[in-house]
Amino acid sequence: FVIDGGLLVFQSTIKIDNMAHLGGFLSGILFGLPLVPRIGAPRATFIRRRAIAVAAGAFILLLFAWGIHSFYLGAVR
């Protein structure tokens, strides 16, 4: 919001998509929420939630990498 407001005052060719910022914020909350320990929760529960969150994040990153790789292979052929 601050950068976008500054671009209204100072004309620039930089265009920033606010929906990308919103998506990053929401996905950060989605992936960060399991990593927050609850007060009074057993340590084993937190360790399990953390392992699931890390595995899910790694899977999604691999999925994105595979999608980008497939896209570029299709563009070259």
PDB file of N, CA and C in Angstrom:
ATOM      1  N   PHE A   1       0.830  -1.194   0.000  1.00  0.00           N
ATOM      2  CA  PHE A   1       0.000   0.000   0.000  1.00  0.00           C
ATOM      3  C   PHE A   1       0.867   1.248   0.000  1.00  0.00           C
ATOM      4  N   VAL A   2       1.931   1.231   0.779  1.00  0.00           N
ATOM      5  CA  VAL A   2       2.808   2.399   0.860  1.00  0.00           C
ATOM      6  C   VAL A   2       3.481   2.643  -0.484  1.00  0.00           C
ATOM      7  N   ILE A   3       3.991   1.587  -1.094  1.00  0.00           N
ATOM      8  CA  ILE A   3       4.650   1.748  -2.394  1.00  0.00           C
ATOM      9  C   ILE A   3       3.645   2.190  -3.437  1.00  0.00           C
ATOM     10  N   ASP A   4       2.462   1.579  -3.423  1.00  0.00           N
ATOM     11  CA  ASP A   4       1.432   1.936  -4.398  1.00  0.00           C
ATOM     12  C   ASP A   4       1.003   3.387  -4.223  1.00  0.00           C
ATOM     13  N   GLY A   5       0.864   3.840  -2.979  1.00  0.00           N
ATOM     14  CA  GLY A   5       0.509   5.242  -2.734  1.00  0.00           C
ATOM     15  C   GLY A   5       1.613   6.186  -3.180  1.00  0.00           C
ATOM     16  N   GLY A   6       2.867   5.783  -2.987  1.00  0.00           N
ATOM     17  CA  GLY A   6       3.992   6.589  -3.448  1.00  0.00           C
ATOM     18  C   GLY A   6       4.038   6.692  -4.955  1.00  0.00           C
ATOM     19  N   LEU A   7       3.596   5.651  -5.638  1.00  0.00           N
ATOM     20  CA  LEU A   7       3.582   5.689  -7.098  1.00  0.00           C
ATOM     21  C   LEU A   7       2.503   6.625  -7.629  1.00  0.00           C
ATOM     22  N   LEU A   8       1.478   6.869  -6.830  1.00  0.00           N
ATOM     23  CA  LEU A   8       0.460   7.829  -7.249  1.00  0.00           C
ATOM     24  C   LEU A   8       1.001   9.254  -7.161  1.00  0.00           C
ATOM     25  N   VAL A   9       1.836   9.517  -6.164  1.00  0.00           N
ATOM     26  CA  VAL A   9       2.402  10.849  -5.986  1.00  0.00           C
ATOM     27  C   VAL A   9       3.535  11.087  -6.974  1.00  0.00           C
ATOM     28  N   PHE A  10       4.447  10.141  -7.056  1.00  0.00           N
ATOM     29  CA  PHE A  10       5.589  10.239  -7.959  1.00  0.00           C
ATOM     30  C   PHE A  10       5.340   9.307  -9.128  1.00  0.00           C
ATOM     31  N   GLN A  11       5.068   9.878 -10.293  1.00  0.00           N
ATOM     32  CA  GLN A  11       4.759   9.070 -11.465  1.00  0.00           C
ATOM     33  C   GLN A  11       5.947   8.189 -11.836  1.00  0.00           C
ATOM     34  N   SER A  12       5.671   6.906 -12.057  1.00  0.00           N
ATOM     35  CA  SER A  12       6.721   5.950 -12.368  1.00  0.00           C
ATOM     36  C   SER A  12       6.177   4.917 -13.343  1.00  0.00           C
ATOM     37  N   THR A  13       7.077   4.236 -14.019  1.00  0.00           N
ATOM     38  CA  THR A  13       6.662   3.173 -14.935  1.00  0.00           C
ATOM     39  C   THR A  13       6.511   1.841 -14.206  1.00  0.00           C
ATOM     40  N   ILE A  14       6.837   1.794 -12.916  1.00  0.00           N
ATOM     41  CA  ILE A  14       6.724   0.565 -12.142  1.00  0.00           C
ATOM     42  C   ILE A  14       5.245   0.301 -11.860  1.00  0.00           C
ATOM     43  N   LYS A  15       4.815  -0.883 -12.201  1.00  0.00           N
ATOM     44  CA  LYS A  15       3.432  -1.289 -11.911  1.00  0.00           C
ATOM     45  C   LYS A  15       3.478  -2.490 -10.980  1.00  0.00           C
ATOM     46  N   ILE A  16       2.829  -2.376  -9.835  1.00  0.00           N
ATOM     47  CA  ILE A  16       2.827  -3.431  -8.840  1.00  0.00           C
ATOM     48  C   ILE A  16       1.405  -3.946  -8.702  1.00  0.00           C
ATOM     49  N   ASP A  17       1.259  -5.263  -8.809  1.00  0.00           N
ATOM     50  CA  ASP A  17      -0.058  -5.888  -8.685  1.00  0.00           C
ATOM     51  C   ASP A  17      -0.358  -6.132  -7.212  1.00  0.00           C
ATOM     52  N   ASN A  18      -1.364  -5.476  -6.699  1.00  0.00           N
ATOM     53  CA  ASN A  18      -1.715  -5.630  -5.285  1.00  0.00           C
ATOM     54  C   ASN A  18      -2.276  -7.007  -4.979  1.00  0.00           C
ATOM     55  N   MET A  19      -2.860  -7.681  -5.953  1.00  0.00           N
ATOM     56  CA  MET A  19      -3.367  -9.031  -5.734  1.00  0.00           C
ATOM     57  C   MET A  19      -2.221 -10.002  -5.463  1.00  0.00           C
ATOM     58  N   ALA A  20      -1.055  -9.757  -6.047  1.00  0.00           N
ATOM     59  CA  ALA A  20       0.108 -10.603  -5.764  1.00  0.00           C
ATOM     60  C   ALA A  20       0.532 -10.436  -4.304  1.00  0.00           C
ATOM     61  N   HIS A  21       0.470  -9.215  -3.798  1.00  0.00           N
ATOM     62  CA  HIS A  21       0.793  -8.996  -2.392  1.00  0.00           C
ATOM     63  C   HIS A  21      -0.236  -9.679  -1.490  1.00  0.00           C
ATOM     64  N   LEU A  22      -1.496  -9.590  -1.850  1.00  0.00           N
ATOM     65  CA  LEU A  22      -2.541 -10.234  -1.064  1.00  0.00           C
ATOM     66  C   LEU A  22      -2.368 -11.752  -1.081  1.00  0.00           C
ATOM     67  N   GLY A  23      -2.056 -12.311  -2.230  1.00  0.00           N
ATOM     68  CA  GLY A  23      -1.825 -13.754  -2.325  1.00  0.00           C
ATOM     69  C   GLY A  23      -0.634 -14.188  -1.491  1.00  0.00           C
ATOM     70  N   GLY A  24       0.442 -13.420  -1.501  1.00  0.00           N
ATOM     71  CA  GLY A  24       1.608 -13.733  -0.684  1.00  0.00           C
ATOM     72  C   GLY A  24       1.304 -13.649   0.795  1.00  0.00           C
ATOM     73  N   PHE A  25       0.515 -12.665   1.177  1.00  0.00           N
ATOM     74  CA  PHE A  25       0.120 -12.519   2.580  1.00  0.00           C
ATOM     75  C   PHE A  25      -0.718 -13.697   3.046  1.00  0.00           C
ATOM     76  N   LEU A  26      -1.718 -14.054   2.236  1.00  0.00           N
ATOM     77  CA  LEU A  26      -2.605 -15.149   2.625  1.00  0.00           C
ATOM     78  C   LEU A  26      -1.890 -16.498   2.623  1.00  0.00           C
ATOM     79  N   SER A  27      -1.024 -16.739   1.645  1.00  0.00           N
ATOM     80  CA  SER A  27      -0.295 -18.009   1.638  1.00  0.00           C
ATOM     81  C   SER A  27       0.725 -18.052   2.772  1.00  0.00           C
ATOM     82  N   GLY A  28       1.290 -16.911   3.139  1.00  0.00           N
ATOM     83  CA  GLY A  28       2.183 -16.869   4.296  1.00  0.00           C
ATOM     84  C   GLY A  28       1.470 -17.232   5.580  1.00  0.00           C
ATOM     85  N   ILE A  29       0.250 -16.741   5.727  1.00  0.00           N
ATOM     86  CA  ILE A  29      -0.548 -17.106   6.897  1.00  0.00           C
ATOM     87  C   ILE A  29      -0.894 -18.589   6.851  1.00  0.00           C
ATOM     88  N   LEU A  30      -1.285 -19.076   5.679  1.00  0.00           N
ATOM     89  CA  LEU A  30      -1.687 -20.472   5.537  1.00  0.00           C
ATOM     90  C   LEU A  30      -0.553 -21.421   5.887  1.00  0.00           C
ATOM     91  N   PHE A  31       0.661 -21.134   5.399  1.00  0.00           N
ATOM     92  CA  PHE A  31       1.782 -22.022   5.672  1.00  0.00           C
ATOM     93  C   PHE A  31       2.438 -21.752   7.029  1.00  0.00           C
ATOM     94  N   GLY A  32       2.280 -20.559   7.550  1.00  0.00           N
ATOM     95  CA  GLY A  32       2.897 -20.238   8.832  1.00  0.00           C
ATOM     96  C   GLY A  32       2.066 -20.637  10.029  1.00  0.00           C
ATOM     97  N   LEU A  33       0.760 -20.733   9.855  1.00  0.00           N
ATOM     98  CA  LEU A  33      -0.127 -21.038  10.971  1.00  0.00           C
ATOM     99  C   LEU A  33       0.188 -22.368  11.657  1.00  0.00           C
ATOM    100  N   PRO A  34       0.479 -23.453  10.916  1.00  0.00           N
ATOM    101  CA  PRO A  34       0.812 -24.699  11.629  1.00  0.00           C
ATOM    102  C   PRO A  34       2.132 -24.618  12.400  1.00  0.00           C
ATOM    103  N   LEU A  35       2.957 -23.637  12.104  1.00  0.00           N
ATOM    104  CA  LEU A  35       4.245 -23.538  12.774  1.00  0.00           C
ATOM    105  C   LEU A  35       4.179 -22.780  14.090  1.00  0.00           C
ATOM    106  N   VAL A  36       3.038 -22.178  14.381  1.00  0.00           N
ATOM    107  CA  VAL A  36       2.877 -21.427  15.626  1.00  0.00           C
ATOM    108  C   VAL A  36       2.458 -22.395  16.724  1.00  0.00           C
ATOM    109  N   PRO A  37       3.274 -22.529  17.757  1.00  0.00           N
ATOM    110  CA  PRO A  37       2.898 -23.468  18.832  1.00  0.00           C
ATOM    111  C   PRO A  37       1.765 -22.893  19.678  1.00  0.00           C
ATOM    112  N   ARG A  38       0.818 -23.727  19.998  1.00  0.00           N
ATOM    113  CA  ARG A  38      -0.256 -23.306  20.901  1.00  0.00           C
ATOM    114  C   ARG A  38       0.220 -23.411  22.330  1.00  0.00           C
ATOM    115  N   ILE A  39      -0.206 -22.484  23.160  1.00  0.00           N
ATOM    116  CA  ILE A  39       0.156 -22.532  24.571  1.00  0.00           C
ATOM    117  C   ILE A  39      -0.552 -23.727  25.201  1.00  0.00           C
ATOM    118  N   GLY A  40       0.210 -24.575  25.843  1.00  0.00           N
ATOM    119  CA  GLY A  40      -0.356 -25.741  26.493  1.00  0.00           C
ATOM    120  C   GLY A  40      -0.401 -26.983  25.611  1.00  0.00           C
ATOM    121  N   ALA A  41      -0.082 -26.855  24.315  1.00  0.00           N
ATOM    122  CA  ALA A  41      -0.082 -28.031  23.438  1.00  0.00           C
ATOM    123  C   ALA A  41       1.184 -28.840  23.704  1.00  0.00           C
ATOM    124  N   PRO A  42       1.075 -30.139  23.628  1.00  0.00           N
ATOM    125  CA  PRO A  42       2.268 -30.970  23.827  1.00  0.00           C
ATOM    126  C   PRO A  42       3.311 -30.715  22.746  1.00  0.00           C
ATOM    127  N   ARG A  43       4.562 -30.860  23.107  1.00  0.00           N
ATOM    128  CA  ARG A  43       5.650 -30.626  22.160  1.00  0.00           C
ATOM    129  C   ARG A  43       5.569 -31.585  20.977  1.00  0.00           C
ATOM    130  N   ALA A  44       5.135 -32.813  21.218  1.00  0.00           N
ATOM    131  CA  ALA A  44       5.028 -33.792  20.132  1.00  0.00           C
ATOM    132  C   ALA A  44       4.028 -33.328  19.070  1.00  0.00           C
ATOM    133  N   THR A  45       2.954 -32.684  19.489  1.00  0.00           N
ATOM    134  CA  THR A  45       1.964 -32.164  18.535  1.00  0.00           C
ATOM    135  C   THR A  45       2.579 -31.077  17.671  1.00  0.00           C
ATOM    136  N   PHE A  46       3.334 -30.169  18.291  1.00  0.00           N
ATOM    137  CA  PHE A  46       3.989 -29.106  17.528  1.00  0.00           C
ATOM    138  C   PHE A  46       5.002 -29.681  16.544  1.00  0.00           C
ATOM    139  N   ILE A  47       5.784 -30.656  16.969  1.00  0.00           N
ATOM    140  CA  ILE A  47       6.788 -31.271  16.092  1.00  0.00           C
ATOM    141  C   ILE A  47       6.103 -31.936  14.898  1.00  0.00           C
ATOM    142  N   ARG A  48       5.001 -32.617  15.139  1.00  0.00           N
ATOM    143  CA  ARG A  48       4.259 -33.270  14.054  1.00  0.00           C
ATOM    144  C   ARG A  48       3.685 -32.238  13.084  1.00  0.00           C
ATOM    145  N   ARG A  49       3.077 -31.167  13.621  1.00  0.00           N
ATOM    146  CA  ARG A  49       2.531 -30.117  12.745  1.00  0.00           C
ATOM    147  C   ARG A  49       3.629 -29.457  11.931  1.00  0.00           C
ATOM    148  N   ARG A  50       4.789 -29.244  12.548  1.00  0.00           N
ATOM    149  CA  ARG A  50       5.896 -28.618  11.828  1.00  0.00           C
ATOM    150  C   ARG A  50       6.383 -29.517  10.702  1.00  0.00           C
ATOM    151  N   ALA A  51       6.498 -30.807  10.952  1.00  0.00           N
ATOM    152  CA  ALA A  51       6.939 -31.741   9.915  1.00  0.00           C
ATOM    153  C   ALA A  51       5.946 -31.777   8.752  1.00  0.00           C
ATOM    154  N   ILE A  52       4.664 -31.762   9.050  1.00  0.00           N
ATOM    155  CA  ILE A  52       3.648 -31.760   7.992  1.00  0.00           C
ATOM    156  C   ILE A  52       3.722 -30.467   7.185  1.00  0.00           C
ATOM    157  N   ALA A  53       3.896 -29.328   7.864  1.00  0.00           N
ATOM    158  CA  ALA A  53       3.975 -28.040   7.168  1.00  0.00           C
ATOM    159  C   ALA A  53       5.205 -27.970   6.267  1.00  0.00           C
ATOM    160  N   VAL A  54       6.340 -28.463   6.737  1.00  0.00           N
ATOM    161  CA  VAL A  54       7.559 -28.446   5.926  1.00  0.00           C
ATOM    162  C   VAL A  54       7.403 -29.373   4.725  1.00  0.00           C
ATOM    163  N   ALA A  55       6.826 -30.554   4.939  1.00  0.00           N
ATOM    164  CA  ALA A  55       6.617 -31.489   3.832  1.00  0.00           C
ATOM    165  C   ALA A  55       5.645 -30.913   2.798  1.00  0.00           C
ATOM    166  N   ALA A  56       4.578 -30.268   3.255  1.00  0.00           N
ATOM    167  CA  ALA A  56       3.617 -29.667   2.327  1.00  0.00           C
ATOM    168  C   ALA A  56       4.258 -28.520   1.551  1.00  0.00           C
ATOM    169  N   GLY A  57       5.056 -27.700   2.218  1.00  0.00           N
ATOM    170  CA  GLY A  57       5.746 -26.609   1.529  1.00  0.00           C
ATOM    171  C   GLY A  57       6.736 -27.117   0.498  1.00  0.00           C
ATOM    172  N   ALA A  58       7.476 -28.168   0.847  1.00  0.00           N
ATOM    173  CA  ALA A  58       8.425 -28.754  -0.102  1.00  0.00           C
ATOM    174  C   ALA A  58       7.690 -29.351  -1.296  1.00  0.00           C
ATOM    175  N   PHE A  59       6.566 -30.004  -1.046  1.00  0.00           N
ATOM    176  CA  PHE A  59       5.780 -30.578  -2.143  1.00  0.00           C
ATOM    177  C   PHE A  59       5.270 -29.494  -3.086  1.00  0.00           C
ATOM    178  N   ILE A  60       4.777 -28.417  -2.535  1.00  0.00           N
ATOM    179  CA  ILE A  60       4.257 -27.329  -3.380  1.00  0.00           C
ATOM    180  C   ILE A  60       5.379 -26.677  -4.175  1.00  0.00           C
ATOM    181  N   LEU A  61       6.546 -26.487  -3.556  1.00  0.00           N
ATOM    182  CA  LEU A  61       7.681 -25.935  -4.299  1.00  0.00           C
ATOM    183  C   LEU A  61       8.104 -26.861  -5.438  1.00  0.00           C
ATOM    184  N   LEU A  62       8.140 -28.159  -5.183  1.00  0.00           N
ATOM    185  CA  LEU A  62       8.464 -29.114  -6.238  1.00  0.00           C
ATOM    186  C   LEU A  62       7.406 -29.103  -7.338  1.00  0.00           C
ATOM    187  N   LEU A  63       6.156 -28.949  -6.959  1.00  0.00           N
ATOM    188  CA  LEU A  63       5.082 -28.875  -7.937  1.00  0.00           C
ATOM    189  C   LEU A  63       5.235 -27.637  -8.824  1.00  0.00           C
ATOM    190  N   PHE A  64       5.558 -26.504  -8.229  1.00  0.00           N
ATOM    191  CA  PHE A  64       5.794 -25.294  -9.017  1.00  0.00           C
ATOM    192  C   PHE A  64       6.999 -25.463  -9.938  1.00  0.00           C
ATOM    193  N   ALA A  65       8.068 -26.053  -9.422  1.00  0.00           N
ATOM    194  CA  ALA A  65       9.268 -26.268 -10.245  1.00  0.00           C
ATOM    195  C   ALA A  65       8.946 -27.180 -11.415  1.00  0.00           C
ATOM    196  N   TRP A  66       8.185 -28.242 -11.177  1.00  0.00           N
ATOM    197  CA  TRP A  66       7.800 -29.149 -12.254  1.00  0.00           C
ATOM    198  C   TRP A  66       6.939 -28.425 -13.286  1.00  0.00           C
ATOM    199  N   GLY A  67       6.008 -27.586 -12.824  1.00  0.00           N
ATOM    200  CA  GLY A  67       5.149 -26.830 -13.735  1.00  0.00           C
ATOM    201  C   GLY A  67       5.946 -25.859 -14.591  1.00  0.00           C
ATOM    202  N   ILE A  68       6.896 -25.157 -13.994  1.00  0.00           N
ATOM    203  CA  ILE A  68       7.727 -24.221 -14.755  1.00  0.00           C
ATOM    204  C   ILE A  68       8.598 -24.980 -15.748  1.00  0.00           C
ATOM    205  N   HIS A  69       9.161 -26.092 -15.317  1.00  0.00           N
ATOM    206  CA  HIS A  69       9.995 -26.917 -16.199  1.00  0.00           C
ATOM    207  C   HIS A  69       9.168 -27.430 -17.389  1.00  0.00           C
ATOM    208  N   SER A  70       7.957 -27.913 -17.112  1.00  0.00           N
ATOM    209  CA  SER A  70       7.076 -28.415 -18.176  1.00  0.00           C
ATOM    210  C   SER A  70       6.672 -27.301 -19.132  1.00  0.00           C
ATOM    211  N   PHE A  71       6.428 -26.123 -18.594  1.00  0.00           N
ATOM    212  CA  PHE A  71       6.053 -24.983 -19.434  1.00  0.00           C
ATOM    213  C   PHE A  71       7.177 -24.634 -20.404  1.00  0.00           C
ATOM    214  N   TYR A  72       8.402 -24.572 -19.909  1.00  0.00           N
ATOM    215  CA  TYR A  72       9.526 -24.208 -20.764  1.00  0.00           C
ATOM    216  C   TYR A  72       9.858 -25.314 -21.742  1.00  0.00           C
ATOM    217  N   LEU A  73       9.673 -26.574 -21.379  1.00  0.00           N
ATOM    218  CA  LEU A  73       9.873 -27.651 -22.338  1.00  0.00           C
ATOM    219  C   LEU A  73       8.846 -27.574 -23.460  1.00  0.00           C
ATOM    220  N   GLY A  74       7.613 -27.233 -23.127  1.00  0.00           N
ATOM    221  CA  GLY A  74       6.573 -27.075 -24.138  1.00  0.00           C
ATOM    222  C   GLY A  74       6.805 -25.880 -25.026  1.00  0.00           C
ATOM    223  N   ALA A  75       7.405 -24.817 -24.485  1.00  0.00           N
ATOM    224  CA  ALA A  75       7.660 -23.606 -25.276  1.00  0.00           C
ATOM    225  C   ALA A  75       8.811 -23.809 -26.243  1.00  0.00           C
ATOM    226  N   VAL A  76       9.756 -24.674 -25.890  1.00  0.00           N
ATOM    227  CA  VAL A  76      10.929 -24.901 -26.745  1.00  0.00           C
ATOM    228  C   VAL A  76      10.562 -25.771 -27.931  1.00  0.00           C
ATOM    229  N   ARG A  77       9.696 -26.745 -27.738  1.00  0.00           N
ATOM    230  CA  ARG A  77       9.353 -27.688 -28.807  1.00  0.00           C
ATOM    231  C   ARG A  77       8.486 -27.085 -29.835  1.00  0.00           C
TER     232      ARG A  77
END
